[in-house]
Structure formats: C-alpha cells, structure tokens
Amino acid sequence: MGNRVAEHRARMKARGYKEVRYWVPDVTDPAFVRRISEQAPALNEADRSEGTADFLDEVQAETLGEQ
C-alpha cells in the first residue's frame, strides 16, 4: 500500500501540487467539546454586539455585487 501512496504523491507533485499537513483539534474529545460549549455563548454575544455578522454580510454583498 505504501507504494500506491508514494505513486499518488508523485503524480500530484508532477501536477504542481504540494503536500501540506495540518493538525486540527479533535472535535470528539470531551475536553474540546466542553471548551467550545463554554466559549460559544461569549463568541456569539461578541459577534452580535460588535456587528461582525452585519459587516461580513456587507462584504459578501459587495463582493458578489448584491448591493
């Protein structure tokens, strides 16, 4: 199987792609779920009070020509 992976990587590299690996949080980890559950209300409130969602909607409308 390792050979298939190496061949795939070689083909992708020949097409001009570069392999990049990312480490992301394990969203099934109970500690992560707990942290998100604790932080989400504060983030949502900050979004509402600072008008972030409205700003992003305006940027999207301008970008897509929906003014």
Protein backbone atom coordinates (compact mmCIF):
# COMPACT_ATOMS: atom_id res chain seq x y z
CA MET A 1 0.00 0.00 0.00
CA GLY A 2 2.87 2.39 0.72
CA ASN A 3 3.83 2.20 -2.93
CA ARG A 4 0.36 3.36 -4.02
CA VAL A 5 0.61 6.33 -1.68
CA ALA A 6 4.08 7.20 -3.00
CA GLU A 7 2.83 6.93 -6.58
CA HIS A 8 -0.16 9.15 -5.82
CA ARG A 9 2.09 11.74 -4.19
CA ALA A 10 4.43 11.65 -7.19
CA ARG A 11 1.52 12.19 -9.60
CA MET A 12 0.21 15.10 -7.54
CA LYS A 13 3.66 16.66 -7.36
CA ALA A 14 4.01 16.29 -11.13
CA ARG A 15 0.72 18.18 -11.48
CA GLY A 16 2.19 21.04 -9.47
CA TYR A 17 0.65 20.27 -6.09
CA LYS A 18 2.47 20.46 -2.78
CA GLU A 19 1.56 18.25 0.15
CA VAL A 20 0.63 20.20 3.27
CA ARG A 21 -0.40 18.64 6.56
CA TYR A 22 -2.46 20.32 9.25
CA TRP A 23 -3.08 19.41 12.84
CA VAL A 24 -6.60 20.28 13.91
CA PRO A 25 -8.46 19.86 17.19
CA ASP A 26 -10.17 16.55 17.80
CA VAL A 27 -13.79 17.69 17.86
CA THR A 28 -14.83 14.42 19.52
CA ASP A 29 -12.57 14.99 22.54
CA PRO A 30 -14.78 15.74 25.57
CA ALA A 31 -12.37 18.48 26.73
CA PHE A 32 -12.68 20.21 23.34
CA VAL A 33 -16.47 19.92 23.38
CA ARG A 34 -16.57 21.36 26.90
CA ARG A 35 -14.31 24.30 25.95
CA ILE A 36 -16.38 25.10 22.88
CA SER A 37 -19.60 24.85 24.86
CA GLU A 38 -18.20 27.32 27.38
CA GLN A 39 -16.79 29.75 24.80
CA ALA A 40 -19.54 29.72 22.17
CA PRO A 41 -22.01 31.96 24.04
CA ALA A 42 -19.33 34.62 24.60
CA LEU A 43 -18.30 34.48 20.94
CA ASN A 44 -21.89 34.75 19.78
CA GLU A 45 -22.52 37.72 22.06
CA ALA A 46 -19.35 39.46 20.89
CA ASP A 47 -20.43 38.87 17.30
CA ARG A 48 -23.82 40.46 17.98
CA SER A 49 -22.50 43.39 19.98
CA GLU A 50 -19.68 44.23 17.59
CA GLY A 51 -21.78 43.84 14.44
CA THR A 52 -19.36 41.31 12.93
CA ALA A 53 -22.10 39.35 11.18
CA ASP A 54 -23.55 42.53 9.65
CA PHE A 55 -20.08 43.57 8.49
CA LEU A 56 -19.46 40.18 6.89
CA ASP A 57 -22.86 40.30 5.19
CA GLU A 58 -21.98 43.72 3.74
CA VAL A 59 -18.61 42.49 2.49
CA GLN A 60 -20.24 39.46 0.91
CA ALA A 61 -22.86 41.60 -0.79
CA GLU A 62 -20.20 43.95 -2.16
CA THR A 63 -18.04 41.08 -3.31
CA LEU A 64 -20.89 39.34 -5.08
CA GLY A 65 -22.31 42.58 -6.48
CA GLU A 66 -25.53 42.36 -4.49
CA GLN A 67 -25.52 45.96 -3.31
